[in-house]
């Protein structure tokens, strides 16, 4: 059930998603897709990095998760190339 506290977090997340998409489209408009998309595909690595430090008590980062993120980034880079 949603309450005022969760509505604040969902609203904040929505604002950040809008900023991310505007930044992505701006980067694609300025640069080449072949350069921008491999950089964008590194997002899982940053997610794991920040999850390790910020969600240490909640989320456990295993070797399997790290390998999956690395394979995701490599696959996205290969597709972009």
Protein backbone atom coordinates (compact mmCIF):
# COMPACT_ATOMS: atom_id res chain seq x y z
CA UNK A 1 0.00 0.00 0.00
CA UNK A 2 1.32 3.42 -0.88
CA UNK A 3 1.72 6.12 1.72
CA UNK A 4 3.20 9.62 1.77
CA UNK A 5 6.74 8.42 2.38
CA UNK A 6 6.69 5.96 -0.51
CA UNK A 7 5.06 8.54 -2.81
CA UNK A 8 8.03 10.83 -2.19
CA UNK A 9 10.47 8.10 -3.18
CA UNK A 10 8.49 7.16 -6.29
CA UNK A 11 8.26 10.81 -7.32
CA UNK A 12 11.98 11.30 -6.80
CA UNK A 13 12.71 8.16 -8.82
CA UNK A 14 10.47 9.42 -11.62
CA UNK A 15 12.30 12.74 -11.70
CA UNK A 16 15.65 10.98 -11.95
CA UNK A 17 14.40 8.72 -14.74
CA UNK A 18 13.28 11.76 -16.72
CA UNK A 19 16.69 13.37 -16.20
CA UNK A 20 18.45 10.17 -17.29
CA UNK A 21 16.40 9.92 -20.48
CA UNK A 22 16.90 13.59 -21.33
CA UNK A 23 20.64 13.15 -20.79
CA UNK A 24 20.67 10.02 -22.94
CA UNK A 25 18.85 11.67 -25.82
CA UNK A 26 21.06 14.74 -25.50
CA UNK A 27 24.19 12.59 -25.62
CA UNK A 28 22.93 10.71 -28.67
CA UNK A 29 22.09 14.03 -30.34
CA UNK A 30 25.56 15.42 -29.70
CA UNK A 31 27.71 12.29 -30.10
CA UNK A 32 27.72 9.13 -32.12
CA UNK A 33 25.50 6.24 -31.10
CA UNK A 34 28.46 3.88 -31.40
CA UNK A 35 30.26 5.84 -28.69
CA UNK A 36 27.31 6.70 -26.44
CA UNK A 37 25.61 3.32 -26.15
CA UNK A 38 28.62 1.35 -24.84
CA UNK A 39 29.02 4.04 -22.19
CA UNK A 40 25.34 3.77 -21.30
CA UNK A 41 25.62 0.00 -21.09
CA UNK A 42 28.05 0.33 -18.17
CA UNK A 43 25.08 1.18 -15.93
CA UNK A 44 24.92 -2.33 -14.38
CA UNK A 45 28.50 -1.97 -13.17
CA UNK A 46 27.71 1.33 -11.46
CA UNK A 47 24.56 -0.18 -9.98
CA UNK A 48 26.53 -3.03 -8.44
CA UNK A 49 29.23 -0.66 -7.18
CA UNK A 50 26.77 1.67 -5.45
CA UNK A 51 24.63 -1.22 -4.18
CA UNK A 52 27.67 -2.69 -2.49
CA UNK A 53 28.32 0.50 -0.54
CA UNK A 54 24.82 1.91 -0.04
CA UNK A 55 22.79 -1.27 0.42
CA UNK A 56 25.37 -3.37 2.22
CA UNK A 57 22.91 -4.61 4.86
CA UNK A 58 20.05 -5.23 2.42
CA UNK A 59 21.59 -6.52 -0.80
CA UNK A 60 24.30 -9.15 -1.02
CA UNK A 61 26.55 -8.83 -4.07
CA UNK A 62 27.79 -12.26 -5.15
CA UNK A 63 30.32 -13.27 -7.76
CA UNK A 64 27.47 -14.53 -9.91
CA UNK A 65 25.85 -11.06 -9.95
CA UNK A 66 29.16 -9.39 -10.85
CA UNK A 67 29.82 -11.85 -13.69
CA UNK A 68 26.27 -11.33 -14.99
CA UNK A 69 26.74 -7.55 -15.02
CA UNK A 70 30.08 -7.84 -16.81
CA UNK A 71 28.58 -10.16 -19.43
CA UNK A 72 25.69 -7.72 -19.92
CA UNK A 73 28.09 -4.84 -20.54
CA UNK A 74 30.23 -6.92 -22.91
CA UNK A 75 27.18 -8.10 -24.83
CA UNK A 76 25.79 -4.57 -25.20
CA UNK A 77 29.21 -3.33 -26.34
CA UNK A 78 29.49 -6.09 -28.95
CA UNK A 79 26.02 -5.32 -30.28
CA UNK A 80 26.85 -1.61 -30.49
CA UNK A 81 30.06 -2.32 -32.39
